[in-house]
N, C-alpha and C. Protein backbone atom coordinates (compact mmCIF):
# COMPACT_ATOMS: atom_id res chain seq x y z
N MET A 1 34.30 -69.70 -131.45
CA MET A 1 35.00 -70.33 -130.34
C MET A 1 34.86 -69.51 -129.07
N MET A 2 35.07 -68.20 -129.18
CA MET A 2 34.96 -67.33 -128.01
C MET A 2 33.52 -67.30 -127.50
N ARG A 3 32.60 -67.41 -128.44
CA ARG A 3 31.19 -67.40 -128.06
C ARG A 3 30.87 -68.63 -127.21
N ASN A 4 31.38 -69.79 -127.62
CA ASN A 4 31.18 -71.01 -126.84
C ASN A 4 31.85 -70.91 -125.48
N MET A 5 33.04 -70.30 -125.44
CA MET A 5 33.77 -70.14 -124.19
C MET A 5 32.99 -69.24 -123.23
N ALA A 6 32.43 -68.15 -123.75
CA ALA A 6 31.66 -67.24 -122.91
C ALA A 6 30.41 -67.94 -122.38
N GLY A 7 29.76 -68.72 -123.22
CA GLY A 7 28.58 -69.46 -122.79
C GLY A 7 28.93 -70.50 -121.73
N MET A 8 30.07 -71.17 -121.92
CA MET A 8 30.51 -72.16 -120.96
C MET A 8 30.84 -71.51 -119.61
N MET A 9 31.50 -70.36 -119.65
CA MET A 9 31.84 -69.65 -118.41
C MET A 9 30.57 -69.22 -117.67
N LYS A 10 29.57 -68.80 -118.42
CA LYS A 10 28.32 -68.39 -117.80
C LYS A 10 27.67 -69.60 -117.11
N LYS A 11 27.70 -70.76 -117.77
CA LYS A 11 27.12 -71.97 -117.18
C LYS A 11 27.89 -72.38 -115.92
N VAL A 12 29.22 -72.24 -115.94
CA VAL A 12 30.03 -72.57 -114.77
C VAL A 12 29.68 -71.63 -113.62
N GLN A 13 29.51 -70.35 -113.90
CA GLN A 13 29.14 -69.39 -112.85
C GLN A 13 27.76 -69.72 -112.28
N GLU A 14 26.83 -70.10 -113.16
CA GLU A 14 25.50 -70.48 -112.69
C GLU A 14 25.58 -71.72 -111.80
N MET A 15 26.39 -72.69 -112.22
CA MET A 15 26.55 -73.92 -111.45
C MET A 15 27.17 -73.60 -110.09
N GLN A 16 28.15 -72.71 -110.08
CA GLN A 16 28.79 -72.34 -108.82
C GLN A 16 27.79 -71.66 -107.89
N SER A 17 26.95 -70.80 -108.44
CA SER A 17 25.94 -70.13 -107.63
C SER A 17 24.95 -71.15 -107.05
N ARG A 18 24.53 -72.12 -107.88
CA ARG A 18 23.61 -73.15 -107.39
C ARG A 18 24.28 -74.02 -106.34
N MET A 19 25.58 -74.26 -106.49
CA MET A 19 26.32 -75.04 -105.51
C MET A 19 26.34 -74.33 -104.15
N GLU A 20 26.58 -73.03 -104.18
CA GLU A 20 26.60 -72.25 -102.94
C GLU A 20 25.24 -72.30 -102.25
N GLU A 21 24.18 -72.20 -103.04
CA GLU A 21 22.83 -72.29 -102.49
C GLU A 21 22.59 -73.67 -101.87
N LEU A 22 23.05 -74.71 -102.57
CA LEU A 22 22.90 -76.07 -102.06
C LEU A 22 23.66 -76.26 -100.76
N GLN A 23 24.87 -75.75 -100.69
CA GLN A 23 25.66 -75.87 -99.46
C GLN A 23 24.94 -75.21 -98.29
N ALA A 24 24.40 -74.03 -98.52
CA ALA A 24 23.67 -73.33 -97.45
C ALA A 24 22.43 -74.12 -97.04
N GLU A 25 21.73 -74.67 -98.01
CA GLU A 25 20.53 -75.45 -97.71
C GLU A 25 20.89 -76.72 -96.93
N MET A 26 21.93 -77.41 -97.36
CA MET A 26 22.32 -78.66 -96.71
C MET A 26 22.83 -78.42 -95.28
N ALA A 27 23.37 -77.25 -95.03
CA ALA A 27 23.85 -76.94 -93.68
C ALA A 27 22.71 -76.88 -92.67
N THR A 28 21.50 -76.61 -93.15
CA THR A 28 20.37 -76.51 -92.23
C THR A 28 19.37 -77.66 -92.37
N THR A 29 19.52 -78.46 -93.43
CA THR A 29 18.62 -79.60 -93.62
C THR A 29 19.04 -80.72 -92.69
N GLU A 30 18.07 -81.33 -92.02
CA GLU A 30 18.39 -82.40 -91.08
C GLU A 30 17.94 -83.76 -91.62
N PHE A 31 18.75 -84.77 -91.31
CA PHE A 31 18.49 -86.14 -91.71
C PHE A 31 18.57 -86.99 -90.46
N SER A 32 17.60 -87.89 -90.29
CA SER A 32 17.56 -88.73 -89.09
C SER A 32 17.55 -90.19 -89.48
N ALA A 33 18.11 -90.99 -88.58
CA ALA A 33 18.07 -92.45 -88.74
C ALA A 33 17.80 -93.05 -87.37
N THR A 34 17.00 -94.11 -87.37
CA THR A 34 16.64 -94.81 -86.15
C THR A 34 17.04 -96.27 -86.29
N VAL A 35 17.61 -96.84 -85.24
CA VAL A 35 18.04 -98.24 -85.25
C VAL A 35 17.58 -98.92 -83.96
N GLY A 36 17.75 -100.24 -83.95
CA GLY A 36 17.43 -100.99 -82.74
C GLY A 36 15.95 -100.99 -82.41
N GLY A 37 15.11 -101.03 -83.44
CA GLY A 37 13.68 -101.03 -83.18
C GLY A 37 13.19 -99.77 -82.50
N GLY A 38 13.85 -98.66 -82.79
CA GLY A 38 13.46 -97.38 -82.20
C GLY A 38 14.25 -97.03 -80.95
N ALA A 39 15.22 -97.84 -80.61
CA ALA A 39 16.00 -97.60 -79.38
C ALA A 39 16.84 -96.33 -79.49
N VAL A 40 17.43 -96.10 -80.65
CA VAL A 40 18.34 -94.96 -80.82
C VAL A 40 17.99 -94.23 -82.10
N SER A 41 17.96 -92.91 -82.01
CA SER A 41 17.73 -92.06 -83.17
C SER A 41 18.78 -90.97 -83.17
N VAL A 42 19.37 -90.73 -84.35
CA VAL A 42 20.39 -89.68 -84.48
C VAL A 42 19.98 -88.77 -85.61
N THR A 43 20.17 -87.47 -85.41
CA THR A 43 19.88 -86.46 -86.42
C THR A 43 21.16 -85.71 -86.74
N VAL A 44 21.46 -85.60 -88.04
CA VAL A 44 22.62 -84.85 -88.51
C VAL A 44 22.17 -83.85 -89.56
N THR A 45 23.01 -82.84 -89.80
CA THR A 45 22.75 -81.91 -90.89
C THR A 45 23.32 -82.50 -92.17
N GLY A 46 22.99 -81.89 -93.28
CA GLY A 46 23.53 -82.32 -94.56
C GLY A 46 25.03 -82.17 -94.65
N LYS A 47 25.61 -81.42 -93.76
CA LYS A 47 27.06 -81.27 -93.70
C LYS A 47 27.69 -82.25 -92.72
N GLY A 48 26.86 -83.08 -92.09
CA GLY A 48 27.38 -84.10 -91.19
C GLY A 48 27.48 -83.70 -89.73
N GLU A 49 27.02 -82.51 -89.39
CA GLU A 49 27.06 -82.07 -87.99
C GLU A 49 25.94 -82.77 -87.22
N MET A 50 26.32 -83.45 -86.13
CA MET A 50 25.31 -84.15 -85.33
C MET A 50 24.52 -83.13 -84.54
N ARG A 51 23.21 -83.20 -84.67
CA ARG A 51 22.33 -82.27 -83.98
C ARG A 51 21.64 -82.89 -82.77
N ALA A 52 21.32 -84.19 -82.84
CA ALA A 52 20.58 -84.79 -81.74
C ALA A 52 20.82 -86.29 -81.68
N VAL A 53 20.82 -86.80 -80.46
CA VAL A 53 20.83 -88.24 -80.20
C VAL A 53 19.69 -88.48 -79.22
N LYS A 54 18.81 -89.41 -79.58
CA LYS A 54 17.69 -89.74 -78.69
C LYS A 54 17.74 -91.23 -78.39
N ILE A 55 17.59 -91.54 -77.12
CA ILE A 55 17.56 -92.92 -76.67
C ILE A 55 16.22 -93.16 -75.99
N ASP A 56 15.49 -94.15 -76.46
CA ASP A 56 14.18 -94.46 -75.91
C ASP A 56 14.37 -95.15 -74.56
N PRO A 57 13.94 -94.49 -73.46
CA PRO A 57 14.12 -95.07 -72.13
C PRO A 57 13.45 -96.43 -71.98
N ALA A 58 12.40 -96.67 -72.73
CA ALA A 58 11.70 -97.95 -72.64
C ALA A 58 12.55 -99.09 -73.18
N LYS A 59 13.56 -98.76 -73.97
CA LYS A 59 14.43 -99.79 -74.55
C LYS A 59 15.63 -100.10 -73.66
N ILE A 60 15.78 -99.36 -72.57
CA ILE A 60 16.89 -99.58 -71.65
C ILE A 60 16.38 -100.40 -70.46
N ASP A 61 17.20 -101.28 -69.98
CA ASP A 61 16.84 -102.14 -68.87
C ASP A 61 16.50 -101.29 -67.64
N PRO A 62 15.24 -101.28 -67.22
CA PRO A 62 14.85 -100.43 -66.07
C PRO A 62 15.50 -100.88 -64.77
N ALA A 63 15.95 -102.12 -64.69
CA ALA A 63 16.61 -102.59 -63.48
C ALA A 63 18.00 -101.98 -63.33
N ALA A 64 18.58 -101.54 -64.43
CA ALA A 64 19.92 -100.97 -64.40
C ALA A 64 19.83 -99.47 -64.18
N VAL A 65 19.44 -99.08 -62.99
CA VAL A 65 19.21 -97.68 -62.69
C VAL A 65 20.51 -96.91 -62.48
N ASP A 66 21.47 -97.51 -61.83
CA ASP A 66 22.72 -96.80 -61.62
C ASP A 66 23.84 -97.49 -62.39
N ALA A 67 24.91 -96.76 -62.60
CA ALA A 67 26.02 -97.24 -63.42
C ALA A 67 26.64 -98.52 -62.87
N ALA A 68 26.56 -98.73 -61.56
CA ALA A 68 27.17 -99.91 -60.95
C ALA A 68 26.46 -101.20 -61.37
N THR A 69 25.19 -101.10 -61.79
CA THR A 69 24.46 -102.31 -62.15
C THR A 69 24.26 -102.46 -63.65
N VAL A 70 24.78 -101.53 -64.45
CA VAL A 70 24.61 -101.59 -65.89
C VAL A 70 25.55 -102.65 -66.46
N ASP A 71 25.01 -103.53 -67.28
CA ASP A 71 25.79 -104.57 -67.95
C ASP A 71 26.65 -103.92 -69.03
N THR A 72 27.95 -104.17 -69.02
CA THR A 72 28.84 -103.55 -70.00
C THR A 72 28.51 -103.98 -71.43
N ASP A 73 27.93 -105.17 -71.60
CA ASP A 73 27.50 -105.59 -72.94
C ASP A 73 26.38 -104.70 -73.44
N ASP A 74 25.47 -104.31 -72.53
CA ASP A 74 24.38 -103.41 -72.91
C ASP A 74 24.93 -102.04 -73.33
N ILE A 75 25.93 -101.57 -72.59
CA ILE A 75 26.54 -100.28 -72.93
C ILE A 75 27.20 -100.37 -74.30
N GLY A 76 27.92 -101.44 -74.55
CA GLY A 76 28.57 -101.62 -75.84
C GLY A 76 27.57 -101.67 -76.98
N MET A 77 26.45 -102.36 -76.76
CA MET A 77 25.42 -102.44 -77.79
C MET A 77 24.82 -101.06 -78.04
N LEU A 78 24.58 -100.31 -76.99
CA LEU A 78 24.02 -98.96 -77.12
C LEU A 78 25.00 -98.06 -77.89
N GLU A 79 26.28 -98.16 -77.55
CA GLU A 79 27.28 -97.37 -78.26
C GLU A 79 27.31 -97.74 -79.75
N ASP A 80 27.23 -99.03 -80.04
CA ASP A 80 27.21 -99.48 -81.43
C ASP A 80 25.98 -98.96 -82.16
N MET A 81 24.83 -98.95 -81.49
CA MET A 81 23.61 -98.45 -82.11
C MET A 81 23.71 -96.96 -82.41
N ILE A 82 24.33 -96.21 -81.51
CA ILE A 82 24.51 -94.77 -81.74
C ILE A 82 25.38 -94.55 -82.97
N CYS A 83 26.49 -95.29 -83.06
CA CYS A 83 27.37 -95.16 -84.23
C CYS A 83 26.63 -95.54 -85.51
N LEU A 84 25.89 -96.64 -85.47
CA LEU A 84 25.15 -97.09 -86.65
C LEU A 84 24.12 -96.06 -87.08
N ALA A 85 23.37 -95.53 -86.13
CA ALA A 85 22.36 -94.52 -86.45
C ALA A 85 23.02 -93.27 -87.04
N ALA A 86 24.14 -92.85 -86.46
CA ALA A 86 24.84 -91.67 -86.97
C ALA A 86 25.34 -91.92 -88.39
N ASN A 87 25.90 -93.09 -88.63
CA ASN A 87 26.39 -93.41 -89.97
C ASN A 87 25.26 -93.50 -90.97
N ASN A 88 24.12 -94.07 -90.57
CA ASN A 88 22.97 -94.17 -91.47
C ASN A 88 22.41 -92.79 -91.80
N ALA A 89 22.34 -91.91 -90.80
CA ALA A 89 21.84 -90.55 -91.05
C ALA A 89 22.79 -89.81 -91.99
N ARG A 90 24.08 -89.99 -91.78
CA ARG A 90 25.07 -89.33 -92.65
C ARG A 90 24.97 -89.87 -94.07
N ALA A 91 24.77 -91.18 -94.22
CA ALA A 91 24.62 -91.78 -95.55
C ALA A 91 23.39 -91.21 -96.26
N GLU A 92 22.32 -90.99 -95.51
CA GLU A 92 21.11 -90.39 -96.09
C GLU A 92 21.40 -88.97 -96.56
N ALA A 93 22.15 -88.21 -95.75
CA ALA A 93 22.53 -86.85 -96.13
C ALA A 93 23.41 -86.86 -97.38
N ASP A 94 24.37 -87.78 -97.42
CA ASP A 94 25.27 -87.88 -98.58
C ASP A 94 24.49 -88.23 -99.85
N ALA A 95 23.53 -89.14 -99.72
CA ALA A 95 22.72 -89.54 -100.88
C ALA A 95 21.89 -88.36 -101.39
N ALA A 96 21.34 -87.59 -100.46
CA ALA A 96 20.56 -86.41 -100.86
C ALA A 96 21.46 -85.39 -101.56
N MET A 97 22.66 -85.20 -101.04
CA MET A 97 23.61 -84.26 -101.65
C MET A 97 23.99 -84.75 -103.04
N ALA A 98 24.26 -86.03 -103.19
CA ALA A 98 24.65 -86.58 -104.50
C ALA A 98 23.52 -86.40 -105.52
N ALA A 99 22.29 -86.63 -105.08
CA ALA A 99 21.14 -86.47 -105.98
C ALA A 99 21.00 -85.01 -106.41
N ARG A 100 21.16 -84.11 -105.48
CA ARG A 100 21.06 -82.68 -105.81
C ARG A 100 22.21 -82.24 -106.71
N MET A 101 23.40 -82.79 -106.45
CA MET A 101 24.56 -82.46 -107.28
C MET A 101 24.34 -82.92 -108.71
N LYS A 102 23.74 -84.09 -108.87
CA LYS A 102 23.47 -84.61 -110.20
C LYS A 102 22.52 -83.67 -110.94
N ASP A 103 21.54 -83.13 -110.21
CA ASP A 103 20.62 -82.17 -110.81
C ASP A 103 21.37 -80.91 -111.26
N ILE A 104 22.27 -80.44 -110.41
CA ILE A 104 23.00 -79.20 -110.70
C ILE A 104 23.95 -79.38 -111.87
N THR A 105 24.66 -80.51 -111.89
CA THR A 105 25.66 -80.72 -112.94
C THR A 105 25.05 -81.32 -114.20
N GLY A 106 23.76 -81.62 -114.13
CA GLY A 106 23.10 -82.21 -115.29
C GLY A 106 23.61 -83.60 -115.61
N GLY A 107 24.11 -84.28 -114.58
CA GLY A 107 24.64 -85.62 -114.78
C GLY A 107 26.03 -85.62 -115.39
N LEU A 108 26.63 -84.44 -115.53
CA LEU A 108 27.96 -84.31 -116.10
C LEU A 108 28.96 -85.05 -115.22
N PRO A 109 29.65 -86.04 -115.77
CA PRO A 109 30.62 -86.74 -114.93
C PRO A 109 31.83 -85.86 -114.66
N LEU A 110 32.27 -85.85 -113.42
CA LEU A 110 33.45 -85.07 -113.06
C LEU A 110 34.69 -85.93 -113.21
N PRO A 111 35.83 -85.31 -113.50
CA PRO A 111 37.07 -86.08 -113.61
C PRO A 111 37.36 -86.82 -112.29
N PRO A 112 38.03 -87.98 -112.37
CA PRO A 112 38.36 -88.73 -111.15
C PRO A 112 39.10 -87.86 -110.14
N GLY A 113 38.70 -87.97 -108.89
CA GLY A 113 39.33 -87.22 -107.82
C GLY A 113 38.80 -85.81 -107.64
N MET A 114 37.95 -85.37 -108.55
CA MET A 114 37.40 -84.02 -108.46
C MET A 114 35.98 -84.10 -107.92
N SER A 115 35.69 -83.24 -106.99
CA SER A 115 34.35 -83.20 -106.45
C SER A 115 33.90 -81.76 -106.33
N LEU A 116 32.61 -81.59 -106.30
CA LEU A 116 32.04 -80.26 -106.10
C LEU A 116 31.48 -80.21 -104.70
N PRO A 117 31.54 -79.14 -104.01
CA PRO A 117 32.14 -77.88 -104.43
C PRO A 117 33.66 -78.00 -104.48
N PHE A 118 34.24 -77.13 -105.31
CA PHE A 118 35.66 -77.20 -105.58
C PHE A 118 36.48 -76.95 -104.34
């Protein structure tokens, strides 16, 4: 019994070490999503930190040069595209994290409400 417990503790320590490595890797790994036919692109880290927002100038109405002539519907659509791109990039990061977690835990199901890292 003690032998199994010692082996289990060693596996938990190994899993914890791999989790720490994964967290460090995900903090620097970037995920991008583009929406609106290339109009908006957002890049986030695996931890969800937004790193970049790019807006293709060719997708913006060139006649709306100053704020006084910009159509508020266009602004709303642009804002929506930024949110969508950010959410899509974050979803990609979350999916990558979930896949890596499955590798680390060996597909071991965690109890409801429990997530790794602890």
